[in-house]
Protein backbone atom coordinates (compact mmCIF):
# COMPACT_ATOMS: atom_id res chain seq x y z
CA MET A 1 64.70 -241.34 16.00
CA ALA A 2 65.71 -238.01 14.30
CA ASP A 3 63.74 -234.99 15.04
CA SER A 4 61.93 -233.96 11.76
CA GLY A 5 62.83 -230.25 12.53
CA GLN A 6 66.52 -230.95 13.35
CA VAL A 7 69.21 -228.99 11.20
CA ALA A 8 72.30 -230.62 10.78
CA GLN A 9 75.46 -229.50 8.91
CA GLY A 10 77.42 -232.90 8.97
CA SER A 11 80.47 -231.41 10.34
CA GLY A 12 82.41 -234.51 11.36
CA ALA A 13 82.06 -235.17 15.30
CA GLY A 14 78.52 -235.37 16.38
CA GLY A 15 77.13 -236.91 13.10
CA ILE A 16 74.86 -239.98 12.84
CA ARG A 17 76.77 -243.26 13.46
CA TYR A 18 76.67 -245.81 10.66
CA GLY A 19 75.46 -248.64 13.12
CA SER A 20 72.96 -246.74 14.90
CA ALA A 21 69.11 -246.98 14.31
CA ALA A 22 69.10 -243.30 13.00
CA GLY A 23 71.77 -244.17 10.57
CA ARG A 24 69.96 -247.27 9.07
CA TRP A 25 66.90 -245.00 8.65
CA VAL A 26 68.87 -242.34 6.78
CA LEU A 27 70.68 -245.31 4.55
CA LEU A 28 67.06 -246.69 3.85
CA THR A 29 65.68 -243.50 2.91
CA THR A 30 68.31 -242.66 0.39
CA VAL A 31 68.84 -245.88 -0.85
CA LEU A 32 64.93 -246.13 -1.54
CA GLY A 33 64.88 -242.68 -3.39
CA SER A 34 68.00 -243.48 -5.45
CA GLY A 35 66.65 -246.74 -6.25
CA ILE A 36 63.48 -245.68 -7.71
CA VAL A 37 65.36 -243.92 -10.42
CA LEU A 38 67.86 -246.51 -11.05
CA LEU A 39 65.07 -249.05 -11.41
CA ASP A 40 63.44 -246.44 -13.77
CA SER A 41 66.52 -246.07 -15.81
CA THR A 42 66.86 -249.46 -16.51
CA VAL A 43 63.40 -251.32 -16.66
CA VAL A 44 62.17 -248.96 -19.67
CA ASN A 45 64.48 -250.25 -22.27
CA VAL A 46 63.27 -253.82 -21.71
CA ALA A 47 59.74 -252.62 -22.53
CA LEU A 48 60.35 -250.56 -25.42
CA PRO A 49 59.28 -253.07 -28.11
CA THR A 50 56.13 -253.69 -26.14
CA ILE A 51 55.24 -250.14 -25.55
CA GLY A 52 55.79 -249.54 -29.49
CA ARG A 53 53.25 -252.12 -30.39
CA ASP A 54 50.77 -251.28 -27.84
CA LEU A 55 50.85 -247.55 -28.18
CA ASN A 56 51.42 -247.99 -32.11
CA THR A 57 54.48 -245.65 -32.35
CA SER A 58 57.51 -244.96 -34.38
CA THR A 59 61.02 -245.63 -33.92
CA ALA A 60 61.39 -241.88 -33.08
CA ALA A 61 58.77 -242.12 -30.48
CA LEU A 62 60.66 -244.89 -28.69
CA GLN A 63 63.81 -242.63 -28.97
CA TRP A 64 61.96 -239.88 -27.14
CA ILE A 65 60.49 -242.19 -24.52
CA VAL A 66 64.25 -242.85 -23.55
CA ASN A 67 65.55 -239.37 -24.38
CA ALA A 68 62.66 -237.12 -22.91
CA TYR A 69 63.82 -238.72 -19.25
CA THR A 70 67.45 -238.18 -19.80
CA LEU A 71 67.01 -234.65 -21.40
CA SER A 72 65.71 -232.97 -18.41
CA LEU A 73 67.94 -235.16 -15.88
CA ALA A 74 70.78 -234.06 -17.70
CA GLY A 75 70.07 -230.50 -18.11
CA LEU A 76 69.03 -229.95 -14.51
CA ILE A 77 70.84 -232.16 -12.24
CA LEU A 78 73.53 -229.59 -11.41
CA LEU A 79 70.90 -227.06 -10.69
CA GLY A 80 69.14 -229.90 -8.64
CA GLY A 81 72.05 -230.23 -6.24
CA ALA A 82 72.37 -226.52 -5.81
CA LEU A 83 68.87 -226.30 -4.70
CA GLY A 84 69.21 -228.80 -1.80
CA ASP A 85 72.25 -226.90 -0.69
CA ARG A 86 70.31 -223.73 -0.27
CA TYR A 87 66.59 -224.84 0.76
CA GLY A 88 67.55 -227.97 2.37
CA ARG A 89 68.58 -231.15 1.19
CA ARG A 90 65.88 -233.30 2.78
CA ARG A 91 63.09 -231.01 1.56
CA VAL A 92 64.17 -230.90 -1.96
CA PHE A 93 64.74 -234.68 -1.95
CA VAL A 94 61.35 -235.25 -0.78
CA ILE A 95 60.03 -232.84 -3.49
CA GLY A 96 61.66 -234.79 -6.38
CA VAL A 97 60.52 -238.11 -4.77
CA ALA A 98 57.02 -236.80 -4.77
CA TRP A 99 57.43 -235.24 -8.28
CA PHE A 100 58.94 -238.54 -9.51
CA ALA A 101 55.89 -240.27 -8.32
CA VAL A 102 53.35 -238.20 -10.05
CA ALA A 103 55.13 -238.27 -13.10
CA SER A 104 55.53 -241.90 -12.89
CA LEU A 105 51.50 -242.19 -12.31
CA LEU A 106 51.05 -240.10 -15.46
CA CYS A 107 53.49 -242.62 -17.57
CA GLY A 108 51.51 -245.48 -16.21
CA LEU A 109 48.26 -244.13 -17.37
CA ALA A 110 49.52 -242.37 -20.51
CA PRO A 111 46.94 -242.97 -23.62
CA ASN A 112 49.32 -242.37 -26.25
CA ALA A 113 52.99 -241.80 -26.78
CA GLY A 114 52.80 -237.92 -26.72
CA LEU A 115 51.62 -238.05 -23.21
CA LEU A 116 54.14 -240.79 -22.13
CA ILE A 117 57.05 -238.72 -23.39
CA PHE A 118 55.75 -235.53 -21.73
CA ALA A 119 55.45 -237.62 -18.48
CA ARG A 120 58.73 -239.15 -18.98
CA ALA A 121 60.43 -235.62 -19.04
CA LEU A 122 58.54 -234.77 -15.87
CA GLN A 123 60.22 -237.82 -14.36
CA GLY A 124 63.65 -236.53 -15.36
CA VAL A 125 62.93 -233.35 -13.24
CA GLY A 126 61.92 -235.08 -10.37
CA GLY A 127 65.01 -237.44 -10.72
CA ALA A 128 67.52 -234.25 -11.02
CA LEU A 129 66.04 -233.05 -7.69
CA LEU A 130 66.34 -236.33 -5.94
CA THR A 131 69.48 -237.92 -7.26
CA PRO A 132 72.15 -235.43 -6.13
CA GLY A 133 69.92 -235.22 -2.88
CA SER A 134 70.16 -238.72 -1.86
CA LEU A 135 74.08 -238.72 -1.58
CA ALA A 136 74.24 -235.16 -0.13
CA ILE A 137 71.95 -236.35 2.81
CA ILE A 138 74.46 -239.20 3.69
CA GLN A 139 77.46 -236.89 3.51
CA ALA A 140 75.77 -234.25 5.47
CA THR A 141 74.23 -236.36 8.43
CA PHE A 142 76.73 -239.16 9.03
CA ASP A 143 79.86 -238.71 11.26
CA ALA A 144 83.10 -238.20 9.06
CA ASP A 145 84.61 -241.33 10.17
CA ASP A 146 81.20 -243.36 9.11
CA ARG A 147 80.73 -241.38 5.73
CA PRO A 148 82.85 -243.62 3.38
CA ARG A 149 81.06 -246.86 4.63
CA ALA A 150 77.60 -245.69 4.61
CA VAL A 151 78.34 -244.16 0.65
CA GLY A 152 79.80 -247.40 -0.03
CA ALA A 153 76.41 -249.25 1.20
CA TRP A 154 74.34 -246.69 -0.47
CA SER A 155 76.14 -247.49 -3.92
CA GLY A 156 76.15 -251.21 -3.27
CA LEU A 157 72.45 -251.39 -2.36
CA GLY A 158 71.96 -248.98 -5.41
CA GLY A 159 73.66 -251.34 -7.44
CA VAL A 160 71.21 -254.05 -6.61
CA ALA A 161 68.49 -251.82 -7.55
CA THR A 162 70.20 -251.66 -11.06
CA ALA A 163 70.73 -255.42 -11.38
CA ILE A 164 67.10 -256.25 -10.57
CA GLY A 165 65.50 -253.36 -12.62
CA PRO A 166 65.80 -255.20 -16.29
CA PHE A 167 64.44 -258.26 -14.75
CA LEU A 168 61.65 -256.70 -12.72
CA GLY A 169 60.70 -254.92 -15.83
CA GLY A 170 60.66 -257.78 -18.18
CA TRP A 171 58.70 -259.72 -15.42
CA LEU A 172 56.13 -257.06 -15.19
CA VAL A 173 55.70 -256.40 -19.22
CA ASP A 174 55.36 -260.42 -19.38
CA ALA A 175 53.13 -260.90 -16.39
CA ALA A 176 50.68 -257.63 -16.36
CA SER A 177 51.49 -254.94 -18.40
CA TRP A 178 54.03 -252.17 -19.35
CA ARG A 179 52.45 -249.54 -17.48
CA TRP A 180 53.43 -251.53 -14.25
CA ILE A 181 57.07 -250.47 -14.53
CA PHE A 182 55.89 -246.90 -13.85
CA LEU A 183 53.01 -247.64 -11.24
CA ILE A 184 55.30 -249.72 -9.02
CA ASN A 185 57.34 -246.47 -8.36
CA LEU A 186 54.24 -245.09 -6.46
CA PRO A 187 54.33 -247.35 -3.18
CA LEU A 188 57.98 -246.94 -3.25
CA ALA A 189 57.57 -243.15 -3.31
CA VAL A 190 55.12 -243.13 -0.39
CA VAL A 191 57.49 -245.14 1.83
CA THR A 192 60.40 -243.11 0.82
CA ILE A 193 58.71 -239.75 1.38
CA VAL A 194 57.30 -240.79 5.03
CA VAL A 195 60.62 -242.35 6.24
CA ALA A 196 62.32 -239.28 5.03
CA LEU A 197 59.92 -236.78 6.81
CA LYS A 198 60.10 -238.95 10.08
CA HIS A 199 63.67 -240.05 10.28
CA VAL A 200 65.82 -237.68 8.16
CA PRO A 201 67.08 -234.78 9.79
CA GLU A 202 67.13 -231.60 7.64
CA THR A 203 70.80 -230.21 6.31
CA PHE A 204 71.53 -227.38 4.11
CA ASP A 205 74.70 -225.33 3.21
CA ALA A 206 75.01 -222.16 5.53
CA GLY A 207 77.25 -220.84 3.17
CA ALA A 208 75.24 -221.22 0.09
CA THR A 209 74.33 -217.49 -1.16
CA GLY A 210 73.79 -215.71 -4.31
CA ARG A 211 71.20 -216.13 -7.26
CA PHE A 212 70.69 -219.60 -8.77
CA ASP A 213 71.75 -219.78 -12.39
CA VAL A 214 68.06 -220.47 -13.83
CA THR A 215 69.00 -218.91 -17.07
CA GLY A 216 72.03 -221.38 -17.79
CA ALA A 217 70.06 -224.43 -16.57
CA ALA A 218 67.18 -223.32 -19.11
CA LEU A 219 69.85 -222.82 -21.97
CA ALA A 220 71.35 -226.17 -21.28
CA ALA A 221 68.35 -228.04 -21.51
CA LEU A 222 67.17 -225.84 -24.67
CA ALA A 223 70.41 -226.71 -26.42
CA LEU A 224 70.05 -230.41 -25.78
CA ALA A 225 66.54 -230.48 -26.70
CA GLY A 226 67.14 -228.65 -30.01
CA VAL A 227 70.05 -231.04 -31.12
CA THR A 228 68.28 -234.14 -29.88
CA TRP A 229 64.96 -233.07 -31.71
CA SER A 230 67.21 -232.45 -34.98
CA LEU A 231 68.78 -235.89 -35.01
CA ILE A 232 65.51 -237.66 -34.26
CA SER A 233 63.54 -235.92 -36.91
CA ALA A 234 65.98 -235.61 -39.41
CA PRO A 235 64.99 -238.78 -41.50
CA THR A 236 61.27 -237.60 -41.72
CA SER A 237 61.35 -233.95 -41.23
CA PRO A 238 64.50 -232.58 -42.66
CA ALA A 239 63.43 -228.88 -42.49
CA LEU A 240 62.03 -229.05 -38.96
CA ALA A 241 65.34 -230.87 -37.99
CA ALA A 242 67.43 -227.96 -39.45
CA VAL A 243 65.19 -225.39 -37.67
CA ALA A 244 65.70 -227.46 -34.22
CA GLY A 245 69.58 -227.85 -34.78
CA ILE A 246 69.96 -224.44 -35.41
CA ALA A 247 68.33 -223.36 -32.47
CA GLY A 248 69.91 -225.79 -30.37
CA VAL A 249 73.55 -224.74 -31.23
CA LEU A 250 72.30 -220.81 -30.83
CA ALA A 251 71.07 -222.05 -27.28
CA ALA A 252 74.72 -223.86 -26.62
CA VAL A 253 76.44 -220.60 -27.75
CA ALA A 254 74.22 -218.35 -25.35
CA PHE A 255 74.75 -220.94 -22.51
CA VAL A 256 78.70 -220.63 -22.90
CA TRP A 257 78.34 -216.73 -22.94
CA THR A 258 75.99 -216.62 -19.87
CA GLU A 259 77.98 -219.05 -17.83
CA ARG A 260 81.21 -216.65 -18.50
CA ARG A 261 79.35 -213.67 -17.23
CA VAL A 262 77.00 -214.70 -14.27
CA ARG A 263 78.50 -214.32 -10.81
CA GLU A 264 77.59 -218.07 -9.84
CA PRO A 265 77.32 -220.13 -13.18
CA MET A 266 75.66 -223.28 -12.99
CA LEU A 267 78.82 -224.52 -14.84
CA PRO A 268 82.01 -222.92 -13.98
CA LEU A 269 83.77 -222.96 -17.13
CA ALA A 270 87.13 -222.40 -15.45
CA ILE A 271 86.93 -225.91 -14.46
CA PHE A 272 87.91 -226.89 -17.95
CA LYS A 273 91.21 -225.14 -17.64
CA SER A 274 92.28 -228.37 -16.18
CA ARG A 275 93.50 -230.48 -19.30
CA GLN A 276 93.05 -233.64 -17.58
CA PHE A 277 89.56 -233.02 -16.48
CA THR A 278 88.68 -231.90 -19.96
CA ALA A 279 90.32 -235.21 -21.42
CA VAL A 280 88.63 -237.68 -18.89
CA ASN A 281 85.35 -235.97 -19.76
CA VAL A 282 85.89 -236.45 -23.52
CA VAL A 283 86.73 -240.07 -22.70
CA THR A 284 83.52 -240.05 -20.40
CA LEU A 285 81.33 -238.83 -23.74
CA CYS A 286 82.66 -241.73 -25.94
CA VAL A 287 82.19 -244.56 -23.26
CA TYR A 288 78.68 -243.57 -22.15
CA ALA A 289 77.57 -242.66 -25.76
CA ALA A 290 78.57 -246.09 -26.84
CA LEU A 291 77.04 -247.95 -23.67
CA SER A 292 73.63 -246.17 -24.03
CA ALA A 293 73.41 -246.78 -27.81
CA VAL A 294 74.24 -250.56 -27.20
CA LEU A 295 71.76 -250.75 -24.27
CA PHE A 296 69.08 -249.32 -26.86
CA PHE A 297 69.83 -251.78 -29.53
CA LEU A 298 70.24 -254.70 -27.76
CA VAL A 299 66.95 -255.07 -26.19
CA LEU A 300 65.39 -254.48 -29.65
CA GLN A 301 67.77 -257.24 -31.26
CA LEU A 302 66.89 -259.90 -28.57
CA GLN A 303 63.29 -259.39 -28.56
CA THR A 304 62.69 -258.51 -32.34
CA VAL A 305 65.27 -260.76 -33.74
CA SER A 306 66.24 -263.64 -31.44
CA GLY A 307 62.62 -264.04 -30.22
CA TYR A 308 63.41 -263.28 -26.38
CA SER A 309 60.86 -262.40 -24.02
CA PRO A 310 61.04 -259.03 -22.31
CA GLN A 311 61.76 -260.96 -19.01
CA ASN A 312 64.60 -262.99 -20.81
CA SER A 313 66.17 -260.04 -22.66
CA GLY A 314 66.16 -258.07 -19.35
CA LEU A 315 68.03 -261.10 -17.59
CA ALA A 316 70.51 -260.82 -20.62
CA THR A 317 72.27 -257.83 -19.18
CA LEU A 318 72.37 -258.63 -15.51
CA PRO A 319 76.18 -259.66 -15.87
CA ILE A 320 76.94 -256.10 -16.60
CA THR A 321 75.77 -254.95 -13.20
CA VAL A 322 76.99 -257.93 -11.26
CA LEU A 323 80.37 -257.88 -12.65
CA MET A 324 80.53 -254.12 -11.81
CA LEU A 325 79.49 -254.54 -8.30
CA LEU A 326 82.06 -257.23 -7.83
CA LEU A 327 85.15 -255.83 -9.50
CA SER A 328 84.82 -251.98 -9.61
CA ALA A 329 86.33 -251.73 -6.05
CA ARG A 330 89.24 -253.78 -7.17
CA ALA A 331 89.83 -251.88 -10.30
CA GLY A 332 89.83 -248.58 -8.55
CA ALA A 333 92.61 -249.97 -6.06
CA VAL A 334 94.50 -251.20 -9.07
CA ALA A 335 94.24 -247.61 -10.84
CA LYS A 336 95.77 -245.99 -7.68
CA ARG A 337 98.69 -248.46 -7.37
CA ILE A 338 99.59 -248.27 -11.29
CA GLY A 339 97.79 -245.05 -12.40
CA PRO A 340 94.48 -244.68 -14.45
CA ARG A 341 96.04 -244.47 -17.85
CA VAL A 342 96.19 -248.23 -18.37
CA PRO A 343 92.97 -249.03 -17.00
CA MET A 344 91.29 -246.38 -19.02
CA THR A 345 92.54 -247.49 -22.05
CA VAL A 346 92.37 -251.36 -21.72
CA GLY A 347 88.65 -250.86 -20.22
CA PRO A 348 87.10 -249.29 -23.43
CA LEU A 349 88.95 -251.84 -25.63
CA LEU A 350 87.48 -254.73 -23.58
CA CYS A 351 84.05 -253.01 -24.17
CA ALA A 352 84.64 -252.60 -27.89
CA GLY A 353 85.78 -256.51 -28.01
CA GLY A 354 82.53 -257.08 -26.11
CA LEU A 355 80.47 -255.50 -28.67
CA LEU A 356 82.18 -257.17 -31.59
CA LEU A 357 81.09 -260.63 -29.90
CA MET A 358 77.54 -259.37 -29.84
CA LEU A 359 77.52 -259.66 -33.59
CA ARG A 360 77.09 -263.30 -33.20
CA ILE A 361 73.44 -262.35 -31.58
CA GLY A 362 70.71 -263.25 -34.38
CA ALA A 363 67.70 -265.32 -35.16
CA ASP A 364 67.49 -267.93 -32.13
CA ALA A 365 70.79 -266.91 -30.47
CA SER A 366 71.73 -268.97 -27.57
CA TYR A 367 72.25 -267.07 -24.68
CA VAL A 368 75.49 -268.94 -23.42
CA ALA A 369 77.03 -269.23 -26.65
CA ASP A 370 75.94 -266.03 -28.58
CA VAL A 371 74.73 -263.76 -26.00
CA LEU A 372 76.54 -264.10 -22.59
CA PRO A 373 80.45 -263.82 -23.79
CA GLY A 374 79.90 -260.19 -25.42
CA VAL A 375 77.55 -259.02 -22.39
CA ALA A 376 80.30 -260.34 -19.82
CA LEU A 377 83.27 -258.94 -21.80
CA LEU A 378 81.39 -255.40 -21.86
CA GLY A 379 80.76 -255.61 -18.01
CA LEU A 380 84.51 -256.59 -17.44
CA GLY A 381 85.40 -253.50 -19.54
CA LEU A 382 83.13 -251.07 -17.84
CA SER A 383 84.22 -252.48 -14.27
CA VAL A 384 87.77 -251.69 -15.20
CA THR A 385 87.08 -248.19 -16.80
CA VAL A 386 84.39 -246.49 -14.37
CA ALA A 387 86.27 -246.35 -10.99
CA PRO A 388 89.60 -245.17 -12.38
CA LEU A 389 87.47 -242.50 -14.42
CA THR A 390 85.80 -241.26 -11.51
CA ALA A 391 88.91 -241.00 -9.26
CA THR A 392 90.58 -239.05 -11.97
CA VAL A 393 87.99 -236.65 -12.65
CA LEU A 394 88.02 -235.75 -8.80
CA ALA A 395 91.79 -235.68 -8.72
CA SER A 396 92.00 -233.42 -11.68
CA VAL A 397 90.47 -230.15 -9.94
CA GLU A 398 91.17 -228.42 -6.66
CA VAL A 399 89.42 -229.60 -3.55
CA ALA A 400 86.73 -226.68 -3.59
CA ARG A 401 85.54 -227.91 -6.96
CA ALA A 402 85.37 -231.75 -6.28
CA GLY A 403 81.49 -231.86 -6.19
CA VAL A 404 80.98 -229.74 -9.14
CA ALA A 405 83.53 -231.97 -11.27
CA SER A 406 81.67 -235.14 -10.39
CA GLY A 407 78.44 -233.26 -11.34
CA VAL A 408 79.53 -232.06 -14.65
CA ASN A 409 81.14 -235.61 -15.43
CA ASN A 410 77.84 -237.21 -14.70
CA ALA A 411 75.66 -234.76 -16.86
CA ALA A 412 78.19 -235.01 -19.55
CA ALA A 413 77.68 -238.96 -19.53
CA ARG A 414 73.95 -238.67 -19.58
CA ALA A 415 74.23 -236.08 -22.38
CA ALA A 416 76.40 -238.30 -24.47
CA GLY A 417 73.79 -241.11 -24.22
CA LEU A 418 70.92 -238.63 -25.02
CA LEU A 419 72.62 -237.73 -28.43
CA ALA A 420 73.65 -241.21 -29.17
CA VAL A 421 70.17 -242.55 -28.86
CA ALA A 422 68.89 -239.66 -30.89
CA GLY A 423 71.25 -239.82 -33.60
CA LEU A 424 72.55 -243.38 -34.28
CA PRO A 425 69.32 -245.34 -35.15
CA ALA A 426 68.78 -242.95 -38.33
CA ILE A 427 72.45 -243.61 -38.96
CA VAL A 428 72.10 -247.36 -39.19
CA GLY A 429 68.50 -247.18 -41.05
CA LEU A 430 66.29 -247.91 -38.07
CA THR A 431 63.29 -245.52 -38.70
CA GLY A 432 59.65 -245.52 -39.02
CA ASP A 433 58.34 -249.15 -37.97
CA GLY A 434 61.60 -250.37 -38.63
CA TYR A 435 61.90 -251.66 -35.14
CA ARG A 436 59.00 -254.23 -35.61
CA VAL A 437 60.76 -255.73 -38.74
CA PRO A 438 63.68 -258.49 -37.81
CA SER A 439 65.72 -258.13 -40.76
CA THR A 440 65.90 -254.18 -40.56
CA VAL A 441 66.61 -254.46 -36.66
CA ASP A 442 69.44 -257.12 -37.41
CA SER A 443 70.99 -255.11 -40.03
CA ALA A 444 70.90 -251.90 -37.82
CA PHE A 445 72.09 -253.81 -34.72
CA ASP A 446 75.26 -254.96 -36.83
CA GLN A 447 76.21 -251.67 -38.05
CA ALA A 448 75.36 -249.90 -34.48
CA MET A 449 77.77 -252.31 -32.74
CA TRP A 450 80.75 -251.77 -35.34
CA ILE A 451 80.25 -248.01 -34.82
CA CYS A 452 79.73 -248.08 -30.82
CA ALA A 453 83.00 -250.30 -30.84
CA ALA A 454 84.81 -247.61 -33.02
CA LEU A 455 83.63 -245.05 -30.56
CA LEU A 456 84.97 -246.98 -27.46
CA ALA A 457 88.30 -247.54 -29.32
CA LEU A 458 88.53 -243.82 -29.94
CA GLY A 459 87.87 -243.37 -26.14
CA ALA A 460 90.76 -245.92 -25.38
CA LEU A 461 93.09 -244.13 -27.47
CA LEU A 462 92.25 -240.57 -26.13
CA ALA A 463 92.71 -241.93 -22.65
CA TRP A 464 96.24 -243.52 -23.65
CA LEU A 465 97.25 -239.99 -25.25
CA THR A 466 95.88 -237.54 -22.59
CA VAL A 467 95.36 -239.62 -19.06
CA ARG A 468 98.53 -239.03 -17.05
CA SER A 469 99.95 -242.24 -15.20
CA ASP A 470 100.31 -240.24 -11.92
CA ALA A 471 96.94 -238.59 -12.09
CA LEU A 472 95.92 -240.08 -8.84
CA GLU A 473 99.24 -239.44 -6.87
CA GLN A 474 98.24 -237.78 -4.01
CA THR A 475 99.76 -233.94 -3.08
CA PRO A 476 98.80 -231.95 -0.18
CA GLU A 477 96.18 -230.18 -2.44
CA THR A 478 94.49 -233.24 -4.16
CA ALA A 479 94.91 -236.00 -1.19
CA PRO A 480 91.48 -235.43 0.08
CA HIS A 481 89.68 -236.33 -2.85
CA ALA A 482 92.07 -238.08 -5.11
CA GLU A 483 90.45 -241.60 -4.18
CA PRO A 484 86.60 -241.40 -4.47
CA CYS A 485 84.38 -242.32 -1.70
CA CYS A 486 81.83 -244.26 -3.73
CA LYS A 487 84.11 -247.22 -4.70
CA THR A 488 81.34 -249.51 -5.78
CA CYS A 489 80.40 -248.25 -9.10
CA CYS A 490 77.58 -249.98 -11.08
CA ALA A 491 76.78 -247.18 -13.18
CA VAL A 492 75.20 -248.17 -16.23
CA GLY A 493 73.56 -244.67 -16.82
CA ALA A 494 76.45 -242.34 -15.81
CA PRO A 495 79.63 -242.31 -13.48
CA PRO A 496 78.69 -242.23 -10.09
CA LEU A 497 78.10 -238.90 -8.35
CA GLU A 498 80.64 -238.20 -5.71
CA GLY A 499 79.82 -235.27 -3.56
CA ASP A 500 82.44 -232.73 -2.01
CA VAL A 501 83.34 -235.21 0.53
CA ALA A 502 86.90 -233.40 0.56
CA VAL A 503 85.40 -229.91 1.55
CA ARG A 504 83.56 -231.72 4.45
CA HIS A 505 86.65 -233.29 5.87
CA ALA A 506 88.61 -230.17 5.42
CA GLU A 507 86.01 -228.45 7.62
CA ASP A 508 85.87 -231.31 10.24
């Protein structure tokens, strides 16, 4: 058993071995912690129609129930990783789990939509603290030779959590209440905290110095909040939407100005001097904006129009995660052999084809004939896309910035999903109580699938025009991180986080 006061730097030799009892405890802790977040990110969509009816909310409230969480997570995830490096990865991880648990309790007890939205924002803060910490703990504690295996197990088991989330959420909604999709986090969080304090050694980055970019994090969150508020409130409160939009844009300008001048910025803008890095992140925006919107609309379509129960609508998306678990490692290997340009072009086009097949979903839709083909093709397209995308992000920057590059890519994907869920419903006419009216949902769903398919096609075109076929060819400078450690990708919310493995190997 690891001493709870032990401080480890994860410097290769002398680290925890994968097959040891200590290694199993560390892996269990990190999988449980990240699994809580992954579960919560997939179960909520399934419960949205039921939450809406129970709390008598509008479509805008449903959008905020999704987006309040994504907003705080996307805005603070880079800061969360930095806090762990400075003050102790286990400490910040445990605080994040406890915070997430308290917020989950508030979600489960929320008497109205306003308090539920507030609690969801608090959940996102907890997620931002624990999500980067779960992977960082593995990288800092395991022996260098065992890290790839440990990260692979962490990613694969996290994928299981992602896969069972919609099924579990749907079952809880059908069998008990939507409130249990949040309350179930409490016992899991308690186990995670107890095991972490007893079995996980404390680690930190002894070289972490300087001030935290709290101003940058606050401005980033304000910018996203302002634009999101503007998009959601535009159909009902145009004046308020204009004010919020202007405030969001001003906050974004102030964020860029701040990041250019602070000594240790949360987002070092110099990283975007790499054209390849910038191009891949634009592709990421297209892919994950479309994906987030699809997952939002698909559940509404299945439950409101096709008559599916919450449990069955949750099961409907299972093939996406299963395919990503089974095929992403192979897709990564193919991309390494032929280059990322073709997979990152073909993958989004396959996703777009899947969305066009989903246009078959209507009243009394057959799962096998109408739902499964589109969902399966979407899962296949994501499997082809995500691993090459992640590898290209890491290979497009120098070794020292691999961790930052991965965090930026992850945050960009979440921000894209945030804005898509905020803006697209109004564009396709899904406002007010429209999510309860089958004809309104059906029309909005069809329009949304066409728009998302076009967005994916745009991502494919950008990948073909901007991603180099030789982007993953290893040179002495890029060899340590040209291939991501986390090969098993099941990232339906954002590309997988890849910590700065390269730096640690260089130091070993």
